Structure formats: structure tokens, C-alpha cells
């Protein structure tokens, strides 16, 4: 899919029957959309009646591991979301991702008209640098679920007026210990928001 920052890639999975919502997910800085937590969430969300789209940023499509600047990430993501909203105009939009992808989703949630945000392994600060907090990015004003491991070296955000934080015991930043359990937490939150078929 073309963006101002080069082509992005989208992987789309659709549920049986009419979709209840559109969930768009981004990857981590050096990772890909096949991370275990993203795949588990895809499976759980599709089974619950959501269209799930996983977006690979242009820098990763081009074969680079080092992430693009935040403004470039946000610009490409926003362009992709504009196209996806045209394809699925009549359902709520939920955006999210893991780590860097969660940050992009939070920063752009209002601009893309998201109804909610799912932030997996939100990197509250660089490891060992708690004074460089990114907590302000979570204040999008829309319902937000943060799922972080209690052993994440990037820190664990606090909840807030629109932010619910679910802490996964024993998990680190990759959330690889129990991807299905992490996905179930998100599915239950989506259900509570009314964004599932059942």
C-alpha cells in the first residue's frame, strides 16, 4: 500500500459473518507483524468477529531494521489508516500494536478517528532511563488498554482516566511467555467495550 514514506504492507484477516470492528496493529521497532503476541491477538480477535489488519511500516518493507523517525512512522500509519477506513467504513476502528507500534497508535489515535487503542508492551521509557518517560503518549483521550509484563525493562505505565493497565506476571518486553493469555486479556476488554460479535 503506498504511503508518503514508501510502500507499507498490510496483512488482513476477516471473520466469519459481518465484522463487529476493525483492529489495526503495528509491529515493534526491529520486529515484524508475526510476533507471537500479535499473532495470538489476531487469532483471538478474528474469532471474536473483528477484521484484523497487521501493518508493516515502509522501513521494514524496505529491509531496514533501524526504525524511521517518529514523524515518518506516524505519517505512513495515518496514510494506511485512511485507506483502511475507506474499506471498512461502518464499524468502530481500534488501533494498536506492540512497543513502537503501540506508541504510533497512541500518538495518532485522535487523528485517525479511533474508538480505542490496544498497547502491547508499551515502552514507558528506555531501559534504565525512567526520567525519559513517554507516559504522555498514552493520553489520547480514547479508551486504551495497556498490556505489559511485570519484568519489562522498558517499565510499566500507570493507569489513568481513559487508560487501563493489565500487568502480566513473569512477562518481559516480548510477551512471549503466554501469548494466548495476553490475547485473552485484550479480547475480554474488546468485548467489554462492545467491539466483538459476542
N, C-alpha and C. Protein backbone atom coordinates (compact mmCIF):
# COMPACT_ATOMS: atom_id res chain seq x y z
N UNK A 1 0.85 -1.18 0.00
CA UNK A 1 0.00 0.00 0.00
C UNK A 1 0.90 1.25 0.00
N UNK A 2 0.66 2.19 -0.92
CA UNK A 2 1.53 3.37 -0.97
C UNK A 2 1.32 4.30 0.21
N UNK A 3 2.41 4.90 0.68
CA UNK A 3 2.36 5.95 1.70
C UNK A 3 3.36 7.02 1.29
N UNK A 4 3.31 8.20 1.92
CA UNK A 4 4.31 9.23 1.62
C UNK A 4 5.74 8.82 1.97
N UNK A 5 5.90 7.74 2.74
CA UNK A 5 7.22 7.28 3.16
C UNK A 5 7.63 5.98 2.50
N UNK A 6 6.97 5.64 1.40
CA UNK A 6 7.25 4.39 0.69
C UNK A 6 6.14 3.39 0.96
N UNK A 7 6.19 2.26 0.27
CA UNK A 7 5.11 1.29 0.42
C UNK A 7 5.12 0.59 1.78
N UNK A 8 3.95 0.48 2.36
CA UNK A 8 3.73 -0.35 3.54
C UNK A 8 3.09 -1.65 3.08
N UNK A 9 3.10 -2.64 3.96
CA UNK A 9 2.42 -3.90 3.64
C UNK A 9 1.31 -4.11 4.66
N UNK A 10 0.18 -4.61 4.18
CA UNK A 10 -0.93 -4.93 5.08
C UNK A 10 -1.30 -6.40 4.93
N UNK A 11 -1.48 -7.06 6.06
CA UNK A 11 -1.96 -8.44 6.11
C UNK A 11 -3.32 -8.41 6.77
N UNK A 12 -4.34 -8.86 6.06
CA UNK A 12 -5.72 -8.74 6.53
C UNK A 12 -6.32 -10.11 6.78
N UNK A 13 -6.98 -10.26 7.94
CA UNK A 13 -7.72 -11.47 8.28
C UNK A 13 -9.15 -11.07 8.62
N UNK A 14 -10.11 -11.78 8.05
CA UNK A 14 -11.52 -11.41 8.22
C UNK A 14 -12.27 -12.51 8.96
N UNK A 15 -13.26 -12.13 9.75
CA UNK A 15 -14.04 -13.12 10.49
C UNK A 15 -15.14 -13.72 9.62
N UNK A 16 -15.75 -14.76 10.12
CA UNK A 16 -16.97 -15.28 9.51
C UNK A 16 -18.11 -14.33 9.87
N UNK A 17 -18.92 -14.00 8.91
CA UNK A 17 -20.04 -13.10 9.18
C UNK A 17 -19.64 -11.65 9.14
N UNK A 18 -20.60 -10.79 9.44
CA UNK A 18 -20.35 -9.35 9.40
C UNK A 18 -19.41 -8.95 10.53
N UNK A 19 -18.39 -8.16 10.24
CA UNK A 19 -17.44 -7.78 11.29
C UNK A 19 -18.05 -6.82 12.30
N UNK A 20 -17.58 -6.95 13.55
CA UNK A 20 -18.04 -6.06 14.62
C UNK A 20 -17.17 -4.82 14.73
N UNK A 21 -15.91 -4.91 14.30
CA UNK A 21 -14.97 -3.79 14.42
C UNK A 21 -13.77 -4.08 13.54
N UNK A 22 -12.95 -3.06 13.35
CA UNK A 22 -11.70 -3.16 12.61
C UNK A 22 -10.57 -2.92 13.60
N UNK A 23 -9.66 -3.88 13.72
CA UNK A 23 -8.49 -3.76 14.60
C UNK A 23 -7.24 -3.70 13.72
N UNK A 24 -6.49 -2.60 13.82
CA UNK A 24 -5.28 -2.41 13.02
C UNK A 24 -4.08 -2.39 13.97
N UNK A 25 -3.09 -3.23 13.68
CA UNK A 25 -1.96 -3.44 14.58
C UNK A 25 -0.63 -3.15 13.91
N UNK A 26 0.28 -2.50 14.63
CA UNK A 26 1.63 -2.24 14.16
C UNK A 26 2.65 -3.04 14.94
N UNK A 27 3.84 -3.18 14.39
CA UNK A 27 4.90 -4.01 14.96
C UNK A 27 5.87 -3.18 15.80
N UNK A 28 6.77 -3.89 16.47
CA UNK A 28 7.82 -3.24 17.24
C UNK A 28 8.90 -2.66 16.35
N UNK A 29 9.82 -1.91 16.95
CA UNK A 29 10.82 -1.16 16.18
C UNK A 29 11.65 -2.05 15.27
N UNK A 30 12.20 -3.13 15.80
CA UNK A 30 13.03 -4.00 14.98
C UNK A 30 12.34 -5.30 14.64
N UNK A 31 11.06 -5.39 14.96
CA UNK A 31 10.33 -6.64 14.79
C UNK A 31 9.44 -6.65 13.56
N UNK A 32 8.53 -7.60 13.57
CA UNK A 32 7.63 -7.79 12.44
C UNK A 32 6.24 -8.12 12.95
N UNK A 33 5.31 -8.21 12.01
CA UNK A 33 3.91 -8.44 12.39
C UNK A 33 3.63 -9.91 12.72
N UNK A 34 4.68 -10.76 12.68
CA UNK A 34 4.50 -12.15 13.08
C UNK A 34 5.00 -12.42 14.50
N UNK A 35 5.15 -11.36 15.31
CA UNK A 35 5.50 -11.53 16.72
C UNK A 35 4.42 -12.40 17.39
N UNK A 36 4.80 -13.25 18.33
CA UNK A 36 3.83 -14.17 18.93
C UNK A 36 2.61 -13.49 19.53
N UNK A 37 2.80 -12.35 20.22
CA UNK A 37 1.64 -11.70 20.82
C UNK A 37 0.71 -11.13 19.76
N UNK A 38 1.26 -10.61 18.66
CA UNK A 38 0.40 -10.07 17.60
C UNK A 38 -0.37 -11.19 16.90
N UNK A 39 0.27 -12.33 16.66
CA UNK A 39 -0.42 -13.44 16.02
C UNK A 39 -1.52 -14.00 16.93
N UNK A 40 -1.23 -14.11 18.22
CA UNK A 40 -2.24 -14.61 19.15
C UNK A 40 -3.42 -13.65 19.24
N UNK A 41 -3.13 -12.36 19.25
CA UNK A 41 -4.21 -11.38 19.28
C UNK A 41 -5.02 -11.43 17.99
N UNK A 42 -4.33 -11.55 16.86
CA UNK A 42 -5.05 -11.69 15.59
C UNK A 42 -6.05 -12.84 15.66
N UNK A 43 -5.58 -14.02 16.10
CA UNK A 43 -6.44 -15.19 16.13
C UNK A 43 -7.63 -14.99 17.05
N UNK A 44 -7.39 -14.43 18.24
CA UNK A 44 -8.48 -14.23 19.19
C UNK A 44 -9.47 -13.20 18.70
N UNK A 45 -8.97 -12.12 18.08
CA UNK A 45 -9.85 -11.06 17.62
C UNK A 45 -10.68 -11.49 16.41
N UNK A 46 -10.08 -12.21 15.48
CA UNK A 46 -10.84 -12.70 14.32
C UNK A 46 -11.94 -13.66 14.80
N UNK A 47 -11.60 -14.54 15.75
CA UNK A 47 -12.60 -15.47 16.29
C UNK A 47 -13.74 -14.73 16.99
N UNK A 48 -13.44 -13.53 17.52
CA UNK A 48 -14.46 -12.73 18.20
C UNK A 48 -15.22 -11.80 17.24
N UNK A 49 -14.90 -11.87 15.95
CA UNK A 49 -15.68 -11.13 14.97
C UNK A 49 -15.08 -9.83 14.47
N UNK A 50 -13.79 -9.63 14.66
CA UNK A 50 -13.15 -8.41 14.17
C UNK A 50 -12.37 -8.68 12.90
N UNK A 51 -12.34 -7.70 12.00
CA UNK A 51 -11.35 -7.69 10.93
C UNK A 51 -10.03 -7.25 11.56
N UNK A 52 -8.96 -7.98 11.31
CA UNK A 52 -7.66 -7.64 11.87
C UNK A 52 -6.68 -7.37 10.73
N UNK A 53 -6.07 -6.19 10.76
CA UNK A 53 -5.07 -5.82 9.76
C UNK A 53 -3.76 -5.55 10.48
N UNK A 54 -2.70 -6.25 10.05
CA UNK A 54 -1.36 -6.02 10.60
C UNK A 54 -0.56 -5.24 9.56
N UNK A 55 -0.01 -4.11 9.99
CA UNK A 55 0.65 -3.18 9.09
C UNK A 55 2.17 -3.24 9.28
N UNK A 56 2.88 -3.49 8.20
CA UNK A 56 4.35 -3.43 8.22
C UNK A 56 4.78 -2.07 7.69
N UNK A 57 5.51 -1.34 8.51
CA UNK A 57 5.94 0.02 8.17
C UNK A 57 6.88 0.01 6.95
N UNK A 58 6.91 1.10 6.18
CA UNK A 58 7.76 1.16 4.98
C UNK A 58 9.23 0.85 5.22
N UNK A 59 9.81 1.28 6.35
CA UNK A 59 11.23 1.00 6.57
C UNK A 59 11.51 -0.49 6.68
N UNK A 60 10.54 -1.25 7.23
CA UNK A 60 10.70 -2.70 7.33
C UNK A 60 10.47 -3.36 5.97
N UNK A 61 9.50 -2.85 5.20
CA UNK A 61 9.27 -3.37 3.85
C UNK A 61 10.54 -3.18 3.02
N UNK A 62 11.25 -2.07 3.24
CA UNK A 62 12.49 -1.78 2.50
C UNK A 62 13.68 -2.58 3.02
N UNK A 63 13.48 -3.38 4.08
CA UNK A 63 14.55 -4.23 4.57
C UNK A 63 15.41 -3.64 5.65
N UNK A 64 15.02 -2.48 6.18
CA UNK A 64 15.82 -1.85 7.24
C UNK A 64 15.30 -2.28 8.61
N UNK A 65 16.21 -2.45 9.55
CA UNK A 65 15.81 -2.80 10.91
C UNK A 65 15.72 -1.55 11.80
N UNK A 66 16.58 -0.57 11.55
CA UNK A 66 16.54 0.65 12.36
C UNK A 66 15.26 1.42 12.04
N UNK A 67 14.49 1.80 13.06
CA UNK A 67 13.21 2.45 12.79
C UNK A 67 13.35 3.84 12.20
N UNK A 68 12.36 4.21 11.43
CA UNK A 68 12.28 5.57 10.90
C UNK A 68 11.96 6.54 12.03
N UNK A 69 12.19 7.85 11.83
CA UNK A 69 11.80 8.83 12.85
C UNK A 69 10.30 8.76 13.15
N UNK A 70 9.94 9.17 14.36
CA UNK A 70 8.54 9.07 14.80
C UNK A 70 7.58 9.75 13.82
N UNK A 71 7.93 10.92 13.34
CA UNK A 71 7.05 11.62 12.41
C UNK A 71 6.81 10.84 11.14
N UNK A 72 7.84 10.14 10.64
CA UNK A 72 7.69 9.32 9.44
C UNK A 72 6.79 8.12 9.71
N UNK A 73 6.97 7.49 10.87
CA UNK A 73 6.12 6.36 11.25
C UNK A 73 4.66 6.79 11.31
N UNK A 74 4.42 7.90 11.98
CA UNK A 74 3.05 8.39 12.13
C UNK A 74 2.44 8.73 10.78
N UNK A 75 3.22 9.33 9.90
CA UNK A 75 2.72 9.73 8.58
C UNK A 75 2.32 8.52 7.75
N UNK A 76 3.18 7.51 7.72
CA UNK A 76 2.87 6.30 6.96
C UNK A 76 1.65 5.59 7.54
N UNK A 77 1.61 5.46 8.86
CA UNK A 77 0.49 4.80 9.55
C UNK A 77 -0.82 5.52 9.25
N UNK A 78 -0.81 6.83 9.33
CA UNK A 78 -2.03 7.61 9.08
C UNK A 78 -2.51 7.42 7.65
N UNK A 79 -1.58 7.35 6.70
CA UNK A 79 -1.96 7.13 5.30
C UNK A 79 -2.62 5.76 5.13
N UNK A 80 -2.05 4.74 5.75
CA UNK A 80 -2.62 3.40 5.67
C UNK A 80 -4.01 3.37 6.30
N UNK A 81 -4.15 4.01 7.45
CA UNK A 81 -5.44 4.02 8.14
C UNK A 81 -6.51 4.71 7.30
N UNK A 82 -6.14 5.74 6.56
CA UNK A 82 -7.10 6.40 5.68
C UNK A 82 -7.68 5.45 4.65
N UNK A 83 -6.83 4.61 4.08
CA UNK A 83 -7.30 3.64 3.09
C UNK A 83 -8.16 2.56 3.76
N UNK A 84 -7.70 2.08 4.91
CA UNK A 84 -8.44 1.02 5.60
C UNK A 84 -9.81 1.49 6.05
N UNK A 85 -9.92 2.73 6.48
CA UNK A 85 -11.24 3.24 6.88
C UNK A 85 -12.19 3.28 5.68
N UNK A 86 -11.64 3.56 4.50
CA UNK A 86 -12.46 3.52 3.31
C UNK A 86 -12.95 2.12 2.97
N UNK A 87 -12.17 1.13 3.30
CA UNK A 87 -12.55 -0.27 3.04
C UNK A 87 -13.55 -0.80 4.07
N UNK A 88 -13.48 -0.27 5.28
CA UNK A 88 -14.34 -0.75 6.38
C UNK A 88 -14.96 0.46 7.09
N UNK A 89 -15.87 1.16 6.41
CA UNK A 89 -16.33 2.46 6.94
C UNK A 89 -17.38 2.38 8.04
N UNK A 90 -18.03 1.25 8.19
CA UNK A 90 -19.23 1.21 9.04
C UNK A 90 -19.03 0.48 10.36
N UNK A 91 -17.79 0.28 10.77
CA UNK A 91 -17.52 -0.41 12.03
C UNK A 91 -16.55 0.44 12.86
N UNK A 92 -16.55 0.27 14.18
CA UNK A 92 -15.59 1.00 15.01
C UNK A 92 -14.16 0.64 14.64
N UNK A 93 -13.26 1.61 14.73
CA UNK A 93 -11.84 1.42 14.47
C UNK A 93 -11.09 1.35 15.79
N UNK A 94 -10.36 0.27 15.98
CA UNK A 94 -9.48 0.13 17.14
C UNK A 94 -8.06 -0.01 16.59
N UNK A 95 -7.15 0.81 17.11
CA UNK A 95 -5.76 0.77 16.65
C UNK A 95 -4.86 0.27 17.76
N UNK A 96 -3.71 -0.24 17.39
CA UNK A 96 -2.79 -0.72 18.41
C UNK A 96 -1.54 -1.30 17.82
N UNK A 97 -0.85 -2.06 18.65
CA UNK A 97 0.40 -2.68 18.23
C UNK A 97 1.24 -2.98 19.44
N UNK A 98 2.48 -3.43 19.16
CA UNK A 98 3.37 -3.73 20.25
C UNK A 98 4.54 -2.75 20.24
N UNK A 99 4.95 -2.29 21.41
CA UNK A 99 6.13 -1.45 21.61
C UNK A 99 6.07 -0.20 20.73
N UNK A 100 6.98 -0.04 19.78
CA UNK A 100 6.95 1.14 18.91
C UNK A 100 5.61 1.28 18.20
N UNK A 101 5.03 0.16 17.77
CA UNK A 101 3.72 0.22 17.11
C UNK A 101 2.63 0.72 18.03
N UNK A 102 2.73 0.40 19.33
CA UNK A 102 1.78 0.91 20.30
C UNK A 102 1.92 2.42 20.45
N UNK A 103 3.16 2.90 20.43
CA UNK A 103 3.38 4.36 20.53
C UNK A 103 2.77 5.08 19.34
N UNK A 104 2.99 4.55 18.14
CA UNK A 104 2.42 5.16 16.93
C UNK A 104 0.90 5.20 17.05
N UNK A 105 0.30 4.09 17.46
CA UNK A 105 -1.15 4.03 17.58
C UNK A 105 -1.67 5.06 18.57
N UNK A 106 -0.99 5.20 19.70
CA UNK A 106 -1.41 6.18 20.70
C UNK A 106 -1.29 7.61 20.18
N UNK A 107 -0.16 7.92 19.55
CA UNK A 107 0.07 9.29 19.07
C UNK A 107 -0.92 9.72 18.01
N UNK A 108 -1.41 8.77 17.22
CA UNK A 108 -2.27 9.12 16.07
C UNK A 108 -3.73 8.76 16.28
N UNK A 109 -4.08 8.24 17.44
CA UNK A 109 -5.44 7.73 17.66
C UNK A 109 -6.51 8.76 17.35
N UNK A 110 -6.35 9.96 17.84
CA UNK A 110 -7.36 11.00 17.62
C UNK A 110 -7.42 11.39 16.15
N UNK A 111 -6.25 11.53 15.53
CA UNK A 111 -6.20 11.96 14.13
C UNK A 111 -6.87 10.98 13.19
N UNK A 112 -6.77 9.68 13.48
CA UNK A 112 -7.37 8.68 12.59
C UNK A 112 -8.79 8.32 12.98
N UNK A 113 -9.31 8.92 14.05
CA UNK A 113 -10.70 8.68 14.46
C UNK A 113 -10.90 7.35 15.15
N UNK A 114 -9.89 6.88 15.89
CA UNK A 114 -10.00 5.59 16.56
C UNK A 114 -10.98 5.66 17.73
N UNK A 115 -11.70 4.56 17.93
CA UNK A 115 -12.59 4.44 19.09
C UNK A 115 -11.84 3.94 20.31
N UNK A 116 -10.71 3.25 20.08
CA UNK A 116 -9.93 2.71 21.19
C UNK A 116 -8.53 2.35 20.74
N UNK A 117 -7.68 2.06 21.74
CA UNK A 117 -6.28 1.73 21.49
C UNK A 117 -5.90 0.50 22.32
N UNK A 118 -5.17 -0.42 21.68
CA UNK A 118 -4.59 -1.57 22.37
C UNK A 118 -3.07 -1.43 22.30
N UNK A 119 -2.42 -1.27 23.46
CA UNK A 119 -0.98 -1.05 23.51
C UNK A 119 -0.31 -2.24 24.20
N UNK A 120 0.33 -3.09 23.41
CA UNK A 120 1.05 -4.23 23.96
C UNK A 120 2.50 -3.84 24.20
N UNK A 121 3.00 -4.12 25.41
CA UNK A 121 4.39 -3.83 25.77
C UNK A 121 4.73 -2.37 25.49
N UNK A 122 3.88 -1.47 25.98
CA UNK A 122 4.15 -0.04 25.77
C UNK A 122 5.47 0.31 26.45
N UNK A 123 6.44 0.87 25.70
CA UNK A 123 7.76 1.16 26.27
C UNK A 123 7.75 2.50 27.01
N UNK A 124 7.47 2.44 28.29
CA UNK A 124 7.30 3.66 29.07
C UNK A 124 8.54 4.55 29.04
N UNK A 125 9.71 3.93 29.04
CA UNK A 125 10.97 4.69 28.98
C UNK A 125 12.05 3.77 28.44
N UNK A 126 13.16 4.31 27.94
CA UNK A 126 14.28 3.45 27.56
C UNK A 126 14.79 2.69 28.79
N UNK A 127 15.30 1.48 28.61
CA UNK A 127 15.79 0.71 29.77
C UNK A 127 16.81 1.50 30.58
N UNK A 128 16.57 1.57 31.88
CA UNK A 128 17.47 2.27 32.78
C UNK A 128 17.36 3.78 32.76
N UNK A 129 16.39 4.31 32.03
CA UNK A 129 16.23 5.77 31.91
C UNK A 129 14.80 6.20 32.27
N UNK A 130 14.36 5.95 33.49
CA UNK A 130 12.97 6.27 33.85
C UNK A 130 12.64 7.75 33.76
N UNK A 131 13.67 8.60 33.76
CA UNK A 131 13.40 10.04 33.66
C UNK A 131 12.93 10.42 32.25
N UNK A 132 13.10 9.55 31.28
CA UNK A 132 12.68 9.84 29.90
C UNK A 132 11.33 9.18 29.62
N UNK A 133 10.33 9.53 30.41
CA UNK A 133 9.02 8.89 30.33
C UNK A 133 8.27 9.30 29.06
N UNK A 134 7.56 8.32 28.52
CA UNK A 134 6.69 8.54 27.36
C UNK A 134 5.22 8.44 27.75
N UNK A 135 4.94 8.56 29.03
CA UNK A 135 3.57 8.38 29.53
C UNK A 135 2.59 9.31 28.84
N UNK A 136 3.05 10.50 28.46
CA UNK A 136 2.15 11.46 27.82
C UNK A 136 1.54 10.94 26.53
N UNK A 137 2.22 10.02 25.85
CA UNK A 137 1.67 9.48 24.60
C UNK A 137 0.41 8.67 24.83
N UNK A 138 0.22 8.16 26.05
CA UNK A 138 -0.98 7.36 26.34
C UNK A 138 -2.23 8.22 26.51
N UNK A 139 -2.06 9.52 26.65
CA UNK A 139 -3.19 10.42 26.93
C UNK A 139 -3.89 10.84 25.64
N UNK A 140 -4.41 9.86 24.90
CA UNK A 140 -5.08 10.17 23.63
C UNK A 140 -6.53 10.61 23.84
N UNK A 141 -7.07 10.32 25.02
CA UNK A 141 -8.46 10.68 25.29
C UNK A 141 -9.46 9.62 24.89
N UNK A 142 -9.00 8.52 24.26
CA UNK A 142 -9.91 7.43 23.91
C UNK A 142 -9.60 6.23 24.81
N UNK A 143 -10.56 5.32 24.98
CA UNK A 143 -10.31 4.15 25.82
C UNK A 143 -9.07 3.39 25.35
N UNK A 144 -8.17 3.12 26.29
CA UNK A 144 -6.89 2.50 25.95
C UNK A 144 -6.61 1.36 26.92
N UNK A 145 -6.23 0.21 26.36
CA UNK A 145 -5.78 -0.92 27.16
C UNK A 145 -4.28 -1.09 26.95
N UNK A 146 -3.53 -1.09 28.05
CA UNK A 146 -2.10 -1.35 28.02
C UNK A 146 -1.87 -2.72 28.64
N UNK A 147 -1.12 -3.58 27.94
CA UNK A 147 -0.78 -4.90 28.48
C UNK A 147 0.74 -4.99 28.51
N UNK A 148 1.31 -5.01 29.71
CA UNK A 148 2.76 -5.07 29.89
C UNK A 148 3.13 -6.17 30.86
N UNK A 149 4.32 -6.72 30.68
CA UNK A 149 4.86 -7.68 31.63
C UNK A 149 5.44 -6.98 32.84
N UNK A 150 5.38 -7.65 33.98
CA UNK A 150 5.90 -7.02 35.21
C UNK A 150 7.42 -7.03 35.25
N UNK A 151 8.07 -7.70 34.29
CA UNK A 151 9.54 -7.72 34.23
C UNK A 151 10.05 -6.95 33.01
N UNK A 152 9.25 -6.09 32.47
CA UNK A 152 9.62 -5.34 31.26
C UNK A 152 10.66 -4.28 31.61
N UNK A 153 11.88 -4.35 31.03
CA UNK A 153 12.90 -3.35 31.35
C UNK A 153 12.56 -1.95 30.84
N UNK A 154 11.55 -1.86 29.96
CA UNK A 154 11.10 -0.55 29.47
C UNK A 154 10.07 0.09 30.42
N UNK A 155 9.76 -0.59 31.51
CA UNK A 155 8.85 -0.03 32.50
C UNK A 155 7.40 -0.39 32.25
N UNK A 156 6.57 -0.10 33.25
CA UNK A 156 5.14 -0.37 33.18
C UNK A 156 4.39 0.92 33.46
N UNK A 157 3.56 1.38 32.53
CA UNK A 157 2.82 2.63 32.75
C UNK A 157 1.80 2.49 33.87
N UNK A 158 1.39 3.62 34.40
CA UNK A 158 0.29 3.66 35.35
C UNK A 158 -1.01 3.88 34.58
N UNK A 159 -2.11 3.49 35.17
CA UNK A 159 -3.41 3.75 34.56
C UNK A 159 -3.77 5.22 34.66
N UNK A 160 -4.85 5.57 34.01
CA UNK A 160 -5.30 6.96 34.01
C UNK A 160 -6.78 7.04 33.71
N UNK A 161 -7.29 8.25 33.47
CA UNK A 161 -8.73 8.43 33.24
C UNK A 161 -9.29 7.54 32.13
N UNK A 162 -8.57 7.36 31.03
CA UNK A 162 -9.05 6.52 29.93
C UNK A 162 -8.14 5.32 29.69
N UNK A 163 -7.18 5.10 30.59
CA UNK A 163 -6.15 4.09 30.37
C UNK A 163 -6.26 2.98 31.42
N UNK A 164 -6.51 1.76 30.96
CA UNK A 164 -6.49 0.60 31.85
C UNK A 164 -5.20 -0.16 31.59
N UNK A 165 -4.50 -0.54 32.65
CA UNK A 165 -3.24 -1.27 32.54
C UNK A 165 -3.43 -2.67 33.08
N UNK A 166 -3.13 -3.67 32.25
CA UNK A 166 -3.16 -5.08 32.66
C UNK A 166 -1.72 -5.56 32.73
N UNK A 167 -1.31 -6.04 33.90
CA UNK A 167 0.07 -6.48 34.11
C UNK A 167 0.12 -8.00 34.05
N UNK A 168 1.00 -8.52 33.20
CA UNK A 168 1.15 -9.96 33.00
C UNK A 168 2.33 -10.46 33.84
N UNK A 169 2.08 -11.24 34.88
CA UNK A 169 3.15 -11.71 35.77
C UNK A 169 4.17 -12.56 35.02
N UNK A 170 5.45 -12.29 35.30
CA UNK A 170 6.53 -13.08 34.74
C UNK A 170 6.91 -12.73 33.32
N UNK A 171 6.18 -11.83 32.68
CA UNK A 171 6.46 -11.50 31.28
C UNK A 171 7.47 -10.37 31.18
N UNK A 172 8.28 -10.44 30.11
CA UNK A 172 9.21 -9.38 29.79
C UNK A 172 8.66 -8.56 28.61
N UNK A 173 9.52 -7.81 27.94
CA UNK A 173 9.04 -6.91 26.89
C UNK A 173 8.46 -7.66 25.69
N UNK A 174 8.95 -8.87 25.42
CA UNK A 174 8.47 -9.58 24.23
C UNK A 174 7.13 -10.28 24.44
N UNK A 175 6.65 -10.36 25.66
CA UNK A 175 5.35 -11.00 25.96
C UNK A 175 5.25 -12.39 25.33
N UNK A 176 6.36 -13.13 25.33
CA UNK A 176 6.38 -14.44 24.69
C UNK A 176 5.97 -15.59 25.62
N UNK A 177 5.87 -15.34 26.91
CA UNK A 177 5.61 -16.42 27.85
C UNK A 177 4.25 -17.07 27.67
N UNK A 178 3.23 -16.25 27.44
CA UNK A 178 1.87 -16.75 27.31
C UNK A 178 1.09 -15.86 26.34
N UNK A 179 1.41 -15.96 25.04
CA UNK A 179 0.73 -15.09 24.08
C UNK A 179 -0.79 -15.25 24.08
N UNK A 180 -1.26 -16.50 24.24
CA UNK A 180 -2.71 -16.72 24.24
C UNK A 180 -3.37 -16.04 25.43
N UNK A 181 -2.69 -16.06 26.58
CA UNK A 181 -3.23 -15.39 27.76
C UNK A 181 -3.29 -13.88 27.58
N UNK A 182 -2.25 -13.32 26.95
CA UNK A 182 -2.24 -11.89 26.65
C UNK A 182 -3.39 -11.54 25.70
N UNK A 183 -3.56 -12.38 24.67
CA UNK A 183 -4.64 -12.13 23.70
C UNK A 183 -6.01 -12.21 24.37
N UNK A 184 -6.16 -13.12 25.33
CA UNK A 184 -7.45 -13.25 26.02
C UNK A 184 -7.77 -12.00 26.82
N UNK A 185 -6.75 -11.39 27.44
CA UNK A 185 -6.97 -10.14 28.17
C UNK A 185 -7.52 -9.07 27.23
N UNK A 186 -6.91 -8.98 26.04
CA UNK A 186 -7.36 -7.97 25.07
C UNK A 186 -8.75 -8.30 24.56
N UNK A 187 -8.99 -9.56 24.24
CA UNK A 187 -10.32 -9.96 23.75
C UNK A 187 -11.41 -9.60 24.76
N UNK A 188 -11.15 -9.88 26.02
CA UNK A 188 -12.15 -9.58 27.05
C UNK A 188 -12.40 -8.07 27.14
N UNK A 189 -11.34 -7.27 27.00
CA UNK A 189 -11.51 -5.81 27.02
C UNK A 189 -12.31 -5.35 25.81
N UNK A 190 -11.99 -5.89 24.64
CA UNK A 190 -12.75 -5.54 23.43
C UNK A 190 -14.23 -5.90 23.61
N UNK A 191 -14.48 -7.05 24.20
CA UNK A 191 -15.87 -7.48 24.43
C UNK A 191 -16.57 -6.50 25.38
N UNK A 192 -15.86 -6.10 26.43
CA UNK A 192 -16.45 -5.16 27.37
C UNK A 192 -16.77 -3.81 26.76
N UNK A 193 -16.03 -3.44 25.70
CA UNK A 193 -16.29 -2.18 25.00
C UNK A 193 -17.39 -2.32 23.95
N UNK A 194 -17.86 -3.56 23.72
CA UNK A 194 -18.90 -3.77 22.72
C UNK A 194 -18.38 -3.90 21.30
N UNK A 195 -17.10 -4.28 21.15
CA UNK A 195 -16.49 -4.33 19.83
C UNK A 195 -16.26 -5.77 19.35
N UNK A 196 -17.05 -6.72 19.83
CA UNK A 196 -16.98 -8.09 19.37
C UNK A 196 -18.36 -8.56 18.95
N UNK A 197 -18.43 -9.69 18.25
CA UNK A 197 -19.72 -10.22 17.82
C UNK A 197 -20.48 -10.83 18.99
N UNK A 198 -19.72 -11.30 20.00
CA UNK A 198 -20.38 -12.00 21.12
C UNK A 198 -19.58 -11.84 22.38
